[in-house]
Amino acid sequence: MATPTELLRRVTIEPGKCGGRPCIRGTRMRVLDILELLGAGADFDEILADYPSLEREDLLAALTYAARQTDHGVLQSA
């Protein structure tokens, strides 16, 4: 199984592609697209069947990327 660092290498950001949003392996499949599919209840097998260019590690990469984006300190005012 790939490490988180290896998975994150699958996420690319290119200024001229998809408005600079994070995508999978330089394609136009955004991390957001994968997260929305999962959030709507699609399972890995269903997504992989509908998008044959994707690999299981791409889905794990999207989840890993999202998890890292939410891992930050929250400042609270007194």
C-alpha atoms as a PDB file:
ATOM      1  CA  MET A   1       0.000   0.000   0.000  1.00  0.00           C
ATOM      2  CA  ALA A   2       1.202   3.480  -0.852  1.00  0.00           C
ATOM      3  CA  THR A   3       2.339   5.850   1.869  1.00  0.00           C
ATOM      4  CA  PRO A   4       0.548   9.182   2.360  1.00  0.00           C
ATOM      5  CA  THR A   5       3.479  10.961   0.709  1.00  0.00           C
ATOM      6  CA  GLU A   6       3.252   8.701  -2.333  1.00  0.00           C
ATOM      7  CA  LEU A   7      -0.505   9.227  -2.532  1.00  0.00           C
ATOM      8  CA  LEU A   8      -0.150  12.994  -2.362  1.00  0.00           C
ATOM      9  CA  ARG A   9       2.153  12.930  -5.397  1.00  0.00           C
ATOM     10  CA  ARG A  10      -0.926  11.930  -7.400  1.00  0.00           C
ATOM     11  CA  VAL A  11      -2.535  15.302  -6.631  1.00  0.00           C
ATOM     12  CA  THR A  12      -1.426  18.008  -9.036  1.00  0.00           C
ATOM     13  CA  ILE A  13      -2.168  21.704  -9.214  1.00  0.00           C
ATOM     14  CA  GLU A  14      -1.697  23.517 -12.526  1.00  0.00           C
ATOM     15  CA  PRO A  15      -2.629  27.199 -12.847  1.00  0.00           C
ATOM     16  CA  GLY A  16      -4.258  26.784 -16.276  1.00  0.00           C
ATOM     17  CA  LYS A  17      -6.195  23.625 -15.486  1.00  0.00           C
ATOM     18  CA  CYS A  18      -9.519  23.547 -13.630  1.00  0.00           C
ATOM     19  CA  GLY A  19      -8.931  27.020 -12.271  1.00  0.00           C
ATOM     20  CA  GLY A  20      -5.834  25.874 -10.385  1.00  0.00           C
ATOM     21  CA  ARG A  21      -7.826  23.448  -8.275  1.00  0.00           C
ATOM     22  CA  PRO A  22      -6.203  20.193  -7.157  1.00  0.00           C
ATOM     23  CA  CYS A  23      -6.644  17.399  -9.705  1.00  0.00           C
ATOM     24  CA  ILE A  24      -5.631  13.774  -9.970  1.00  0.00           C
ATOM     25  CA  ARG A  25      -2.430  13.007 -11.935  1.00  0.00           C
ATOM     26  CA  GLY A  26      -2.648  16.032 -14.225  1.00  0.00           C
ATOM     27  CA  THR A  27      -6.119  15.129 -15.489  1.00  0.00           C
ATOM     28  CA  ARG A  28      -9.232  17.261 -15.237  1.00  0.00           C
ATOM     29  CA  MET A  29     -10.648  15.017 -12.496  1.00  0.00           C
ATOM     30  CA  ARG A  30     -10.651  17.314  -9.498  1.00  0.00           C
ATOM     31  CA  VAL A  31     -10.139  16.131  -5.941  1.00  0.00           C
ATOM     32  CA  LEU A  32     -13.462  17.858  -5.240  1.00  0.00           C
ATOM     33  CA  ASP A  33     -15.217  15.686  -7.849  1.00  0.00           C
ATOM     34  CA  ILE A  34     -14.052  12.524  -6.113  1.00  0.00           C
ATOM     35  CA  LEU A  35     -14.996  13.827  -2.677  1.00  0.00           C
ATOM     36  CA  GLU A  36     -18.459  14.803  -3.896  1.00  0.00           C
ATOM     37  CA  LEU A  37     -18.990  11.337  -5.389  1.00  0.00           C
ATOM     38  CA  LEU A  38     -17.966   9.705  -2.126  1.00  0.00           C
ATOM     39  CA  GLY A  39     -20.107  12.146  -0.142  1.00  0.00           C
ATOM     40  CA  ALA A  40     -23.104  11.264  -2.306  1.00  0.00           C
ATOM     41  CA  GLY A  41     -22.705   7.625  -1.324  1.00  0.00           C
ATOM     42  CA  ALA A  42     -20.761   6.196  -4.257  1.00  0.00           C
ATOM     43  CA  ASP A  43     -18.318   3.498  -3.229  1.00  0.00           C
ATOM     44  CA  PHE A  44     -14.837   2.974  -4.613  1.00  0.00           C
ATOM     45  CA  ASP A  45     -15.871   0.189  -6.984  1.00  0.00           C
ATOM     46  CA  GLU A  46     -18.686   2.275  -8.449  1.00  0.00           C
ATOM     47  CA  ILE A  47     -16.428   5.279  -9.041  1.00  0.00           C
ATOM     48  CA  LEU A  48     -13.709   3.136 -10.593  1.00  0.00           C
ATOM     49  CA  ALA A  49     -16.264   1.497 -12.913  1.00  0.00           C
ATOM     50  CA  ASP A  50     -17.654   4.881 -13.988  1.00  0.00           C
ATOM     51  CA  TYR A  51     -14.204   6.459 -14.439  1.00  0.00           C
ATOM     52  CA  PRO A  52     -11.858   3.799 -15.840  1.00  0.00           C
ATOM     53  CA  SER A  53      -8.918   6.204 -15.966  1.00  0.00           C
ATOM     54  CA  LEU A  54      -8.918   6.365 -12.167  1.00  0.00           C
ATOM     55  CA  GLU A  55      -7.112   3.946  -9.900  1.00  0.00           C
ATOM     56  CA  ARG A  56      -7.879   3.013  -6.309  1.00  0.00           C
ATOM     57  CA  GLU A  57      -4.825   4.981  -5.174  1.00  0.00           C
ATOM     58  CA  ASP A  58      -6.286   8.100  -6.835  1.00  0.00           C
ATOM     59  CA  LEU A  59      -9.332   7.882  -4.584  1.00  0.00           C
ATOM     60  CA  LEU A  60      -7.124   7.365  -1.555  1.00  0.00           C
ATOM     61  CA  ALA A  61      -5.032  10.339  -2.685  1.00  0.00           C
ATOM     62  CA  ALA A  62      -8.125  12.565  -2.793  1.00  0.00           C
ATOM     63  CA  LEU A  63      -9.076  11.513   0.731  1.00  0.00           C
ATOM     64  CA  THR A  64      -5.527  11.985   1.992  1.00  0.00           C
ATOM     65  CA  TYR A  65      -5.342  15.435   0.403  1.00  0.00           C
ATOM     66  CA  ALA A  66      -8.658  16.475   1.948  1.00  0.00           C
ATOM     67  CA  ALA A  67      -7.589  15.208   5.354  1.00  0.00           C
ATOM     68  CA  ARG A  68      -4.356  17.208   5.182  1.00  0.00           C
ATOM     69  CA  GLN A  69      -6.264  20.348   4.188  1.00  0.00           C
ATOM     70  CA  THR A  70      -8.420  20.151   7.306  1.00  0.00           C
ATOM     71  CA  ASP A  71      -5.488  19.500   9.659  1.00  0.00           C
ATOM     72  CA  HIS A  72      -4.682  22.978  10.868  1.00  0.00           C
ATOM     73  CA  GLY A  73      -4.912  24.825  14.113  1.00  0.00           C
ATOM     74  CA  VAL A  74      -7.963  26.908  14.841  1.00  0.00           C
ATOM     75  CA  LEU A  75      -7.484  30.267  16.536  1.00  0.00           C
ATOM     76  CA  GLN A  76     -10.223  31.343  18.869  1.00  0.00           C
ATOM     77  CA  SER A  77     -10.650  34.845  20.170  1.00  0.00           C
ATOM     78  CA  ALA A  78     -10.869  35.425  23.876  1.00  0.00           C
END
